[in-house]
C-alpha atoms as a PDB file:
ATOM      1  CA  MET A   1       0.000   0.000   0.000  1.00  0.00           C
ATOM      2  CA  THR A   2       1.277   3.500  -0.868  1.00  0.00           C
ATOM      3  CA  TRP A   3       0.812   6.096   1.835  1.00  0.00           C
ATOM      4  CA  SER A   4       0.279   9.765   1.137  1.00  0.00           C
ATOM      5  CA  ARG A   5       2.135  12.522   2.911  1.00  0.00           C
ATOM      6  CA  ARG A   6      -1.073  13.341   4.786  1.00  0.00           C
ATOM      7  CA  GLU A   7      -1.184   9.798   6.157  1.00  0.00           C
ATOM      8  CA  VAL A   8       2.487   9.956   7.114  1.00  0.00           C
ATOM      9  CA  LEU A   9       1.922  13.177   9.040  1.00  0.00           C
ATOM     10  CA  ARG A  10      -1.098  11.780  10.858  1.00  0.00           C
ATOM     11  CA  THR A  11       0.656   8.539  11.783  1.00  0.00           C
ATOM     12  CA  ALA A  12       3.772  10.349  12.969  1.00  0.00           C
ATOM     13  CA  ALA A  13       1.745  12.658  15.184  1.00  0.00           C
ATOM     14  CA  PHE A  14       0.214   9.732  17.044  1.00  0.00           C
ATOM     15  CA  ALA A  15       3.446   7.755  17.230  1.00  0.00           C
ATOM     16  CA  ALA A  16       5.842  10.465  18.458  1.00  0.00           C
ATOM     17  CA  LEU A  17       7.536   9.658  21.759  1.00  0.00           C
ATOM     18  CA  ALA A  18       8.763  11.989  24.457  1.00  0.00           C
ATOM     19  CA  ALA A  19      12.241  10.527  25.064  1.00  0.00           C
ATOM     20  CA  ARG A  20      15.226  12.777  24.472  1.00  0.00           C
ATOM     21  CA  SER A  21      18.792  12.058  23.409  1.00  0.00           C
ATOM     22  CA  ALA A  22      21.965  14.098  23.009  1.00  0.00           C
ATOM     23  CA  GLY A  23      23.631  15.379  19.877  1.00  0.00           C
ATOM     24  CA  ALA A  24      21.785  18.400  18.496  1.00  0.00           C
ATOM     25  CA  VAL A  25      23.226  21.861  18.176  1.00  0.00           C
ATOM     26  CA  THR A  26      21.046  24.857  19.001  1.00  0.00           C
ATOM     27  CA  GLU A  27      20.652  27.757  16.622  1.00  0.00           C
ATOM     28  CA  GLU A  28      18.252  30.629  16.943  1.00  0.00           C
ATOM     29  CA  PRO A  29      15.505  31.399  16.304  1.00  0.00           C
ATOM     30  CA  ALA A  30      13.329  29.331  18.592  1.00  0.00           C
ATOM     31  CA  LEU A  31      10.552  27.132  17.297  1.00  0.00           C
ATOM     32  CA  PRO A  32       7.178  28.907  17.243  1.00  0.00           C
ATOM     33  CA  ALA A  33       4.989  27.933  20.175  1.00  0.00           C
ATOM     34  CA  THR A  34       2.011  27.359  17.914  1.00  0.00           C
ATOM     35  CA  GLY A  35       1.581  24.532  15.449  1.00  0.00           C
ATOM     36  CA  GLY A  36       1.096  24.215  11.716  1.00  0.00           C
ATOM     37  CA  GLY A  37       0.821  27.468   9.847  1.00  0.00           C
ATOM     38  CA  ARG A  38      -0.440  29.590  12.705  1.00  0.00           C
ATOM     39  CA  ARG A  39       1.387  32.781  13.498  1.00  0.00           C
ATOM     40  CA  PRO A  40       4.120  32.528  16.178  1.00  0.00           C
ATOM     41  CA  GLU A  41       2.906  34.033  19.439  1.00  0.00           C
ATOM     42  CA  HIS A  42       6.057  36.032  20.096  1.00  0.00           C
ATOM     43  CA  PRO A  43       6.798  38.772  17.567  1.00  0.00           C
ATOM     44  CA  MET A  44      10.563  38.130  17.786  1.00  0.00           C
ATOM     45  CA  GLU A  45      10.187  34.563  16.529  1.00  0.00           C
ATOM     46  CA  LYS A  46      11.250  34.676  12.902  1.00  0.00           C
ATOM     47  CA  MET A  47      12.359  32.108  10.411  1.00  0.00           C
ATOM     48  CA  ARG A  48      16.094  31.506  10.336  1.00  0.00           C
ATOM     49  CA  THR A  49      17.900  33.301   7.531  1.00  0.00           C
ATOM     50  CA  ARG A  50      21.194  32.748   5.781  1.00  0.00           C
ATOM     51  CA  PRO A  51      23.287  35.280   3.862  1.00  0.00           C
ATOM     52  CA  ILE A  52      23.497  35.102   0.098  1.00  0.00           C
ATOM     53  CA  PRO A  53      27.257  34.538  -0.139  1.00  0.00           C
ATOM     54  CA  SER A  54      27.947  37.006  -2.956  1.00  0.00           C
ATOM     55  CA  THR A  55      26.298  39.979  -1.206  1.00  0.00           C
ATOM     56  CA  GLY A  56      25.453  39.138   2.389  1.00  0.00           C
ATOM     57  CA  GLU A  57      21.726  39.768   1.848  1.00  0.00           C
ATOM     58  CA  GLU A  58      19.775  37.630   4.306  1.00  0.00           C
ATOM     59  CA  LEU A  59      17.403  35.086   2.785  1.00  0.00           C
ATOM     60  CA  PRO A  60      14.871  32.966   4.730  1.00  0.00           C
ATOM     61  CA  VAL A  61      15.899  29.316   4.656  1.00  0.00           C
ATOM     62  CA  ILE A  62      12.623  27.729   3.492  1.00  0.00           C
ATOM     63  CA  GLY A  63      11.245  28.654   0.094  1.00  0.00           C
ATOM     64  CA  MET A  64       8.851  27.124  -2.392  1.00  0.00           C
ATOM     65  CA  GLY A  65       9.097  25.428  -5.774  1.00  0.00           C
ATOM     66  CA  THR A  66       6.315  25.321  -8.361  1.00  0.00           C
ATOM     67  CA  TRP A  67       7.106  22.252 -10.482  1.00  0.00           C
ATOM     68  CA  ARG A  68       3.824  20.395 -11.157  1.00  0.00           C
ATOM     69  CA  THR A  69       2.045  22.028  -8.211  1.00  0.00           C
ATOM     70  CA  PHE A  70       1.440  25.410  -9.927  1.00  0.00           C
ATOM     71  CA  ASP A  71       0.716  24.059 -13.402  1.00  0.00           C
ATOM     72  CA  VAL A  72      -3.026  24.672 -13.164  1.00  0.00           C
ATOM     73  CA  SER A  73      -5.521  26.661 -15.181  1.00  0.00           C
ATOM     74  CA  PRO A  74      -5.444  30.391 -14.343  1.00  0.00           C
ATOM     75  CA  ASP A  75      -9.247  30.235 -14.681  1.00  0.00           C
ATOM     76  CA  ASP A  76      -9.653  27.614 -11.932  1.00  0.00           C
ATOM     77  CA  SER A  77     -10.649  29.811  -8.990  1.00  0.00           C
ATOM     78  CA  SER A  78     -10.683  26.885  -6.558  1.00  0.00           C
ATOM     79  CA  LYS A  79      -7.104  25.849  -7.376  1.00  0.00           C
ATOM     80  CA  LEU A  80      -5.932  29.457  -7.330  1.00  0.00           C
ATOM     81  CA  GLY A  81      -7.498  29.892  -3.905  1.00  0.00           C
ATOM     82  CA  GLU A  82      -5.569  26.911  -2.556  1.00  0.00           C
ATOM     83  CA  LEU A  83      -2.319  28.191  -4.025  1.00  0.00           C
ATOM     84  CA  ARG A  84      -2.876  31.673  -2.597  1.00  0.00           C
ATOM     85  CA  GLU A  85      -3.208  30.031   0.797  1.00  0.00           C
ATOM     86  CA  VAL A  86       0.041  28.098   0.209  1.00  0.00           C
ATOM     87  CA  VAL A  87       1.814  31.387  -0.529  1.00  0.00           C
ATOM     88  CA  ARG A  88       0.195  33.053   2.479  1.00  0.00           C
ATOM     89  CA  ARG A  89       1.475  30.289   4.759  1.00  0.00           C
ATOM     90  CA  LEU A  90       4.981  30.722   3.353  1.00  0.00           C
ATOM     91  CA  PHE A  91       4.969  34.506   3.794  1.00  0.00           C
ATOM     92  CA  GLU A  92       3.342  34.354   7.222  1.00  0.00           C
ATOM     93  CA  ALA A  93       6.182  32.176   8.498  1.00  0.00           C
ATOM     94  CA  GLY A  94       8.768  34.536   7.046  1.00  0.00           C
ATOM     95  CA  GLY A  95       9.606  32.721   3.790  1.00  0.00           C
ATOM     96  CA  ARG A  96      10.217  34.635   0.561  1.00  0.00           C
ATOM     97  CA  VAL A  97      11.708  32.471  -2.192  1.00  0.00           C
ATOM     98  CA  ILE A  98       9.357  31.305  -4.971  1.00  0.00           C
ATOM     99  CA  ASP A  99      11.027  29.446  -7.827  1.00  0.00           C
ATOM    100  CA  SER A 100       9.591  28.587 -11.241  1.00  0.00           C
ATOM    101  CA  SER A 101      10.517  27.957 -14.883  1.00  0.00           C
ATOM    102  CA  PRO A 102       8.994  28.188 -18.377  1.00  0.00           C
ATOM    103  CA  MET A 103       9.441  24.401 -18.375  1.00  0.00           C
ATOM    104  CA  TYR A 104       6.737  24.119 -15.693  1.00  0.00           C
ATOM    105  CA  GLY A 105       3.749  24.684 -17.950  1.00  0.00           C
ATOM    106  CA  ARG A 106       1.522  27.488 -16.624  1.00  0.00           C
ATOM    107  CA  ALA A 107       3.362  27.834 -13.310  1.00  0.00           C
ATOM    108  CA  GLU A 108       4.924  31.240 -14.006  1.00  0.00           C
ATOM    109  CA  GLU A 109       1.581  32.709 -15.005  1.00  0.00           C
ATOM    110  CA  VAL A 110      -0.088  31.243 -11.942  1.00  0.00           C
ATOM    111  CA  VAL A 111       2.621  32.714  -9.715  1.00  0.00           C
ATOM    112  CA  GLY A 112       1.742  36.082 -11.191  1.00  0.00           C
ATOM    113  CA  HIS A 113      -1.902  35.523 -10.260  1.00  0.00           C
ATOM    114  CA  VAL A 114      -1.468  34.286  -6.679  1.00  0.00           C
ATOM    115  CA  VAL A 115       1.614  36.084  -5.354  1.00  0.00           C
ATOM    116  CA  PRO A 116       0.800  39.557  -4.089  1.00  0.00           C
ATOM    117  CA  ALA A 117       2.799  42.426  -5.548  1.00  0.00           C
ATOM    118  CA  SER A 118       5.053  42.775  -2.552  1.00  0.00           C
ATOM    119  CA  PRO A 119       8.762  43.149  -1.810  1.00  0.00           C
ATOM    120  CA  LYS A 120       8.291  40.089   0.427  1.00  0.00           C
ATOM    121  CA  ALA A 121       8.588  37.793  -2.569  1.00  0.00           C
ATOM    122  CA  PHE A 122      12.041  36.768  -3.809  1.00  0.00           C
ATOM    123  CA  LEU A 123      11.098  35.641  -7.317  1.00  0.00           C
ATOM    124  CA  ALA A 124      13.259  33.188  -9.240  1.00  0.00           C
ATOM    125  CA  THR A 125      12.815  31.572 -12.622  1.00  0.00           C
ATOM    126  CA  LYS A 126      14.926  30.193 -15.453  1.00  0.00           C
ATOM    127  CA  VAL A 127      15.825  30.482 -19.114  1.00  0.00           C
ATOM    128  CA  TRP A 128      15.238  27.227 -20.974  1.00  0.00           C
ATOM    129  CA  THR A 129      16.016  27.734 -24.638  1.00  0.00           C
ATOM    130  CA  SER A 130      18.975  28.158 -26.992  1.00  0.00           C
ATOM    131  CA  GLY A 131      20.216  31.351 -28.614  1.00  0.00           C
ATOM    132  CA  ARG A 132      20.757  34.857 -27.319  1.00  0.00           C
ATOM    133  CA  GLU A 133      17.659  36.525 -28.759  1.00  0.00           C
ATOM    134  CA  GLU A 134      15.442  33.545 -27.958  1.00  0.00           C
ATOM    135  CA  GLY A 135      16.754  33.596 -24.403  1.00  0.00           C
ATOM    136  CA  ILE A 136      16.144  37.301 -23.966  1.00  0.00           C
ATOM    137  CA  ALA A 137      12.578  36.990 -25.302  1.00  0.00           C
ATOM    138  CA  GLN A 138      11.821  34.047 -23.012  1.00  0.00           C
ATOM    139  CA  MET A 139      13.230  35.752 -19.926  1.00  0.00           C
ATOM    140  CA  GLN A 140      11.335  38.960 -20.595  1.00  0.00           C
ATOM    141  CA  ARG A 141       8.117  36.972 -20.965  1.00  0.00           C
ATOM    142  CA  SER A 142       8.795  35.061 -17.736  1.00  0.00           C
ATOM    143  CA  MET A 143       9.430  38.211 -15.727  1.00  0.00           C
ATOM    144  CA  LYS A 144       6.215  39.741 -17.037  1.00  0.00           C
ATOM    145  CA  LEU A 145       4.191  36.607 -16.279  1.00  0.00           C
ATOM    146  CA  MET A 146       5.478  36.462 -12.713  1.00  0.00           C
ATOM    147  CA  GLY A 147       4.511  40.065 -12.071  1.00  0.00           C
ATOM    148  CA  ALA A 148       7.971  41.538 -11.578  1.00  0.00           C
ATOM    149  CA  GLN A 149       7.471  44.749 -13.538  1.00  0.00           C
ATOM    150  CA  GLY A 150       8.778  47.932 -11.986  1.00  0.00           C
ATOM    151  CA  ARG A 151      11.699  46.434 -10.080  1.00  0.00           C
ATOM    152  CA  PRO A 152      14.757  44.303 -10.828  1.00  0.00           C
ATOM    153  CA  PHE A 153      13.981  40.602 -11.054  1.00  0.00           C
ATOM    154  CA  ASP A 154      15.500  38.764  -8.120  1.00  0.00           C
ATOM    155  CA  LEU A 155      17.075  35.641  -9.639  1.00  0.00           C
ATOM    156  CA  MET A 156      17.335  34.377 -13.205  1.00  0.00           C
ATOM    157  CA  GLN A 157      18.868  30.922 -13.669  1.00  0.00           C
ATOM    158  CA  ILE A 158      20.034  28.871 -16.650  1.00  0.00           C
ATOM    159  CA  HIS A 159      17.840  25.783 -16.613  1.00  0.00           C
ATOM    160  CA  ASN A 160      19.748  22.495 -16.876  1.00  0.00           C
ATOM    161  CA  LEU A 161      22.737  24.381 -18.325  1.00  0.00           C
ATOM    162  CA  VAL A 162      20.984  24.783 -21.689  1.00  0.00           C
ATOM    163  CA  ASP A 163      23.267  27.001 -23.852  1.00  0.00           C
ATOM    164  CA  TRP A 164      24.777  28.275 -20.633  1.00  0.00           C
ATOM    165  CA  ARG A 165      27.674  30.233 -22.135  1.00  0.00           C
ATOM    166  CA  THR A 166      25.325  32.339 -24.258  1.00  0.00           C
ATOM    167  CA  HIS A 167      22.906  33.026 -21.420  1.00  0.00           C
ATOM    168  CA  ALA A 168      25.627  33.648 -18.828  1.00  0.00           C
ATOM    169  CA  ALA A 169      26.924  36.523 -20.946  1.00  0.00           C
ATOM    170  CA  THR A 170      23.428  38.043 -21.131  1.00  0.00           C
ATOM    171  CA  LEU A 171      22.776  37.584 -17.420  1.00  0.00           C
ATOM    172  CA  LYS A 172      26.041  39.206 -16.409  1.00  0.00           C
ATOM    173  CA  GLN A 173      25.122  42.207 -18.553  1.00  0.00           C
ATOM    174  CA  TRP A 174      21.621  42.294 -17.073  1.00  0.00           C
ATOM    175  CA  LYS A 175      22.979  42.166 -13.543  1.00  0.00           C
ATOM    176  CA  GLU A 176      25.359  45.035 -14.296  1.00  0.00           C
ATOM    177  CA  ALA A 177      22.459  47.038 -15.773  1.00  0.00           C
ATOM    178  CA  GLY A 178      20.156  46.315 -12.821  1.00  0.00           C
ATOM    179  CA  THR A 179      17.639  44.253 -14.802  1.00  0.00           C
ATOM    180  CA  ILE A 180      18.228  41.310 -12.474  1.00  0.00           C
ATOM    181  CA  ARG A 181      19.768  41.145  -9.009  1.00  0.00           C
ATOM    182  CA  TYR A 182      21.301  37.653  -9.159  1.00  0.00           C
ATOM    183  CA  TRP A 183      22.003  34.946 -11.729  1.00  0.00           C
ATOM    184  CA  GLY A 184      22.554  31.230 -11.425  1.00  0.00           C
ATOM    185  CA  ILE A 185      22.691  27.776 -12.993  1.00  0.00           C
ATOM    186  CA  THR A 186      20.593  24.676 -12.353  1.00  0.00           C
ATOM    187  CA  HIS A 187      20.508  20.979 -13.116  1.00  0.00           C
ATOM    188  CA  TYR A 188      18.350  18.143 -11.889  1.00  0.00           C
ATOM    189  CA  THR A 189      20.848  15.297 -12.382  1.00  0.00           C
ATOM    190  CA  THR A 190      23.967  14.490 -10.393  1.00  0.00           C
ATOM    191  CA  SER A 191      25.791  13.651 -13.637  1.00  0.00           C
ATOM    192  CA  ALA A 192      25.992  17.404 -14.328  1.00  0.00           C
ATOM    193  CA  PHE A 193      27.832  18.180 -11.083  1.00  0.00           C
ATOM    194  CA  ASP A 194      31.328  18.080 -12.607  1.00  0.00           C
ATOM    195  CA  GLU A 195      30.393  20.683 -15.198  1.00  0.00           C
ATOM    196  CA  MET A 196      28.582  22.772 -12.596  1.00  0.00           C
ATOM    197  CA  GLU A 197      31.686  22.706 -10.426  1.00  0.00           C
ATOM    198  CA  ARG A 198      33.770  24.040 -13.312  1.00  0.00           C
ATOM    199  CA  ILE A 199      31.254  26.823 -13.951  1.00  0.00           C
ATOM    200  CA  VAL A 200      31.184  27.719 -10.260  1.00  0.00           C
ATOM    201  CA  LYS A 201      34.955  28.067 -10.221  1.00  0.00           C
ATOM    202  CA  THR A 202      35.299  30.010 -13.477  1.00  0.00           C
ATOM    203  CA  GLU A 203      32.101  32.068 -13.804  1.00  0.00           C
ATOM    204  CA  LYS A 204      31.153  32.676 -10.148  1.00  0.00           C
ATOM    205  CA  PRO A 205      27.352  32.653 -10.488  1.00  0.00           C
ATOM    206  CA  ASP A 206      25.421  33.894  -7.471  1.00  0.00           C
ATOM    207  CA  PHE A 207      23.489  30.627  -7.114  1.00  0.00           C
ATOM    208  CA  VAL A 208      23.369  27.016  -8.156  1.00  0.00           C
ATOM    209  CA  GLN A 209      20.192  24.943  -7.877  1.00  0.00           C
ATOM    210  CA  ILE A 210      20.669  21.203  -7.441  1.00  0.00           C
ATOM    211  CA  PRO A 211      19.090  18.050  -6.024  1.00  0.00           C
ATOM    212  CA  TYR A 212      20.287  17.258  -2.502  1.00  0.00           C
ATOM    213  CA  SER A 213      18.604  15.177   0.196  1.00  0.00           C
ATOM    214  CA  VAL A 214      19.139  12.417   2.735  1.00  0.00           C
ATOM    215  CA  GLY A 215      19.025   9.955  -0.146  1.00  0.00           C
ATOM    216  CA  VAL A 216      20.964  11.961  -2.761  1.00  0.00           C
ATOM    217  CA  ARG A 217      24.136  13.282  -1.174  1.00  0.00           C
ATOM    218  CA  ASP A 218      26.526  13.343  -4.146  1.00  0.00           C
ATOM    219  CA  ALA A 219      26.921  17.120  -3.956  1.00  0.00           C
ATOM    220  CA  GLU A 220      28.702  16.790  -0.604  1.00  0.00           C
ATOM    221  CA  GLU A 221      31.797  15.376  -2.265  1.00  0.00           C
ATOM    222  CA  ARG A 222      32.929  18.311  -4.417  1.00  0.00           C
ATOM    223  CA  LEU A 223      30.162  20.652  -5.576  1.00  0.00           C
ATOM    224  CA  LEU A 224      29.058  21.977  -2.189  1.00  0.00           C
ATOM    225  CA  PRO A 225      32.652  22.631  -1.045  1.00  0.00           C
ATOM    226  CA  ALA A 226      33.303  24.387  -4.367  1.00  0.00           C
ATOM    227  CA  CYS A 227      30.237  26.594  -3.853  1.00  0.00           C
ATOM    228  CA  ALA A 228      31.379  27.473  -0.340  1.00  0.00           C
ATOM    229  CA  ASP A 229      34.859  28.397  -1.587  1.00  0.00           C
ATOM    230  CA  ALA A 230      33.494  30.518  -4.459  1.00  0.00           C
ATOM    231  CA  LYS A 231      30.808  32.200  -2.324  1.00  0.00           C
ATOM    232  CA  VAL A 232      27.963  30.748  -4.378  1.00  0.00           C
ATOM    233  CA  GLY A 233      24.550  30.202  -2.809  1.00  0.00           C
ATOM    234  CA  VAL A 234      22.834  26.819  -3.077  1.00  0.00           C
ATOM    235  CA  ILE A 235      19.104  26.336  -3.658  1.00  0.00           C
ATOM    236  CA  VAL A 236      17.934  22.749  -3.197  1.00  0.00           C
ATOM    237  CA  GLU A 237      15.280  21.301  -5.485  1.00  0.00           C
ATOM    238  CA  ARG A 238      13.503  17.978  -4.886  1.00  0.00           C
ATOM    239  CA  PRO A 239      14.220  17.904  -1.132  1.00  0.00           C
ATOM    240  CA  PHE A 240      11.785  14.985  -0.757  1.00  0.00           C
ATOM    241  CA  GLU A 241      12.832  13.287  -4.009  1.00  0.00           C
ATOM    242  CA  ALA A 242       9.401  13.870  -5.569  1.00  0.00           C
ATOM    243  CA  GLY A 243       7.766  12.239  -2.549  1.00  0.00           C
ATOM    244  CA  SER A 244       9.731   8.984  -2.668  1.00  0.00           C
ATOM    245  CA  LEU A 245      11.361   9.727   0.703  1.00  0.00           C
ATOM    246  CA  PHE A 246       7.907   9.845   2.291  1.00  0.00           C
ATOM    247  CA  ARG A 247       7.133   6.417   0.893  1.00  0.00           C
ATOM    248  CA  ASP A 248      10.322   5.164   2.511  1.00  0.00           C
ATOM    249  CA  VAL A 249       9.270   6.353   5.986  1.00  0.00           C
ATOM    250  CA  ALA A 250       5.508   5.929   5.650  1.00  0.00           C
ATOM    251  CA  LYS A 251       5.160   3.033   8.092  1.00  0.00           C
ATOM    252  CA  ARG A 252       7.736   4.232  10.602  1.00  0.00           C
ATOM    253  CA  PRO A 253       6.778   6.194  13.711  1.00  0.00           C
ATOM    254  CA  LEU A 254       8.476   9.538  14.144  1.00  0.00           C
ATOM    255  CA  PRO A 255      11.671   8.701  16.073  1.00  0.00           C
ATOM    256  CA  SER A 256      12.030   9.891  19.653  1.00  0.00           C
ATOM    257  CA  TRP A 257      15.148  11.853  18.732  1.00  0.00           C
ATOM    258  CA  ALA A 258      13.102  14.155  16.483  1.00  0.00           C
ATOM    259  CA  LYS A 259      12.418  16.317  19.534  1.00  0.00           C
ATOM    260  CA  GLU A 260      16.132  17.002  19.883  1.00  0.00           C
ATOM    261  CA  ILE A 261      16.026  18.991  16.644  1.00  0.00           C
ATOM    262  CA  ASP A 262      12.548  20.421  17.279  1.00  0.00           C
ATOM    263  CA  CYS A 263      10.845  18.352  14.583  1.00  0.00           C
ATOM    264  CA  THR A 264       7.256  17.162  14.656  1.00  0.00           C
ATOM    265  CA  SER A 265       7.166  15.513  11.215  1.00  0.00           C
ATOM    266  CA  TRP A 266       9.305  13.566   8.777  1.00  0.00           C
ATOM    267  CA  ALA A 267       9.187  16.518   6.369  1.00  0.00           C
ATOM    268  CA  GLN A 268      10.845  18.739   8.947  1.00  0.00           C
ATOM    269  CA  ILE A 269      13.542  16.128   9.610  1.00  0.00           C
ATOM    270  CA  LEU A 270      14.281  15.841   5.883  1.00  0.00           C
ATOM    271  CA  LEU A 271      14.462  19.610   5.446  1.00  0.00           C
ATOM    272  CA  LYS A 272      16.586  20.145   8.550  1.00  0.00           C
ATOM    273  CA  PHE A 273      19.050  17.541   7.332  1.00  0.00           C
ATOM    274  CA  ILE A 274      19.478  19.672   4.199  1.00  0.00           C
ATOM    275  CA  LEU A 275      19.746  22.918   6.163  1.00  0.00           C
ATOM    276  CA  SER A 276      22.329  21.460   8.513  1.00  0.00           C
ATOM    277  CA  HIS A 277      24.888  21.547   5.700  1.00  0.00           C
ATOM    278  CA  PRO A 278      26.506  24.992   5.980  1.00  0.00           C
ATOM    279  CA  ALA A 279      26.774  25.486   2.203  1.00  0.00           C
ATOM    280  CA  ILE A 280      22.993  25.279   1.686  1.00  0.00           C
ATOM    281  CA  THR A 281      21.092  28.532   1.385  1.00  0.00           C
ATOM    282  CA  CYS A 282      17.480  27.443   0.845  1.00  0.00           C
ATOM    283  CA  PRO A 283      15.536  24.272  -0.025  1.00  0.00           C
ATOM    284  CA  ILE A 284      12.373  24.819  -2.085  1.00  0.00           C
ATOM    285  CA  PRO A 285       9.771  22.097  -1.419  1.00  0.00           C
ATOM    286  CA  ALA A 286       6.877  22.204  -3.895  1.00  0.00           C
ATOM    287  CA  THR A 287       3.323  21.747  -2.718  1.00  0.00           C
ATOM    288  CA  SER A 288      -0.235  22.757  -3.562  1.00  0.00           C
ATOM    289  CA  ASN A 289      -1.453  21.836  -0.073  1.00  0.00           C
ATOM    290  CA  PRO A 290      -1.512  24.679   2.495  1.00  0.00           C
ATOM    291  CA  GLU A 291      -1.139  22.242   5.402  1.00  0.00           C
ATOM    292  CA  HIS A 292       1.980  20.767   3.849  1.00  0.00           C
ATOM    293  CA  MET A 293       3.465  24.249   3.456  1.00  0.00           C
ATOM    294  CA  ALA A 294       2.570  25.006   7.079  1.00  0.00           C
ATOM    295  CA  ASP A 295       4.453  21.859   8.062  1.00  0.00           C
ATOM    296  CA  ASP A 296       7.454  22.568   5.823  1.00  0.00           C
ATOM    297  CA  VAL A 297       8.087  26.105   7.056  1.00  0.00           C
ATOM    298  CA  ARG A 298       8.524  24.897  10.630  1.00  0.00           C
ATOM    299  CA  ALA A 299      11.854  23.451   9.530  1.00  0.00           C
ATOM    300  CA  GLY A 300      13.041  27.063   9.446  1.00  0.00           C
ATOM    301  CA  PHE A 301      12.772  27.319  13.231  1.00  0.00           C
ATOM    302  CA  GLY A 302      14.502  25.628  16.126  1.00  0.00           C
ATOM    303  CA  ARG A 303      17.596  23.465  16.380  1.00  0.00           C
ATOM    304  CA  LEU A 304      19.522  21.896  13.513  1.00  0.00           C
ATOM    305  CA  PRO A 305      21.426  18.605  13.514  1.00  0.00           C
ATOM    306  CA  ASP A 306      25.172  18.681  14.105  1.00  0.00           C
ATOM    307  CA  GLN A 307      27.524  16.355  12.228  1.00  0.00           C
ATOM    308  CA  SER A 308      26.961  13.342  14.465  1.00  0.00           C
ATOM    309  CA  PHE A 309      23.209  13.884  14.317  1.00  0.00           C
ATOM    310  CA  ARG A 310      23.373  14.091  10.517  1.00  0.00           C
ATOM    311  CA  ARG A 311      25.006  10.661  10.473  1.00  0.00           C
ATOM    312  CA  ARG A 312      22.258   9.383  12.727  1.00  0.00           C
ATOM    313  CA  ILE A 313      19.585  10.606  10.310  1.00  0.00           C
ATOM    314  CA  VAL A 314      21.348   9.003   7.351  1.00  0.00           C
ATOM    315  CA  ALA A 315      21.651   5.710   9.245  1.00  0.00           C
ATOM    316  CA  GLU A 316      17.992   5.805  10.242  1.00  0.00           C
ATOM    317  CA  LEU A 317      16.691   6.526   6.750  1.00  0.00           C
ATOM    318  CA  THR A 318      19.161   4.757   4.494  1.00  0.00           C
ATOM    319  CA  GLY A 319      20.832   2.149   6.669  1.00  0.00           C
ATOM    320  CA  GLY A 320      24.063   4.097   6.300  1.00  0.00           C
ATOM    321  CA  ASN A 321      24.183   3.444   2.548  1.00  0.00           C
ATOM    322  CA  ARG A 322      24.801   6.102  -0.075  1.00  0.00           C
END
C-alpha cells in the first residue's frame, strides 16, 4: 500500500515519543509555540535566515518550488485559492523564495496571479532555450508573467545548463544594468555536477540549484565545497525526491530523537538535514497543499542537527548506505 504525505503526518503525530537524546546543536531562532501554519505568538520569533554569499543579503531558509504544483488553469478559482493560501502560509512564516521555470507549464503565469505584488517575494525563474535573442525573449516573458514589472527581477537561472555560455553573458550584462539582481545555474541530475563545479569556479554565479537530500548526497563530495569556496549560494530542489522519501518512511513512527532537533514531522527532519549543511542557502519544497506548506516552514525554526546527528539521520533513513 502507498501512503500519502497526509497519512504519514497523521501517523507520525500519534506515534511520536517523548524521550530525548543528546547530539543536536542549538541555533536561533526558537521554534514557534504554535503549530502548523499559525502565526508565532512572540513577535521576535522569525524564520532563520542565511546570507546570500555574494552579497550578504539575508534570505529565509525555506522557500517554495512550483514544479507540477502550480501548473493549473489560471481560470480555476478553486485551485488558485488553494495556491494563494500556500503562498500566504509561506509569507506568514517569514519565507520569501518562490522558484519557477517556463518548463513548468503554466506555473509562471499562476505565480503572477497568486503572489501579491510585494517586496516580500524573492522571485526566481529560469531560461530554458537556446540562442541569445530567444533567451532574452523568453526571460522577458517570464518576468512579465510572474509580475515583476517595476523592479529588478531577483534571480534568473540557466535551466539544466541549456546554452549556458550564451545566457551567462546576457545575465552578467543584465545584472550590471540592474535588470536582475542575481544569476545562477541549475541541473536536476547528479551527472551534471562536474560541469557545474567548473562553472562555479570560473564564472562565479550567485546561485546554483541542485538536487540534494538524505538519499541523494553526491553534492557533498565536491560541488558543495566548491560553492562554499566561491561564495555561491545553493538552492535545493527535490528535497523529498518527488515524494519517494515519504514512501520510505511511511510506516515508521516519528523517532524519539526528532524532539532534539525540534521536529514534529518527517518533512521537517528531511528539510533540517538539508539545512544542517553549511553550504545550503534554501531548499524549495513544492506543494499545492496549504497544510503541507505550514508543516514545511517549521523546519526554518529551532535546532539543527550537528555532524553526528546528521550521520544518525542518514543511518535511520538509508541504513548508512549512499
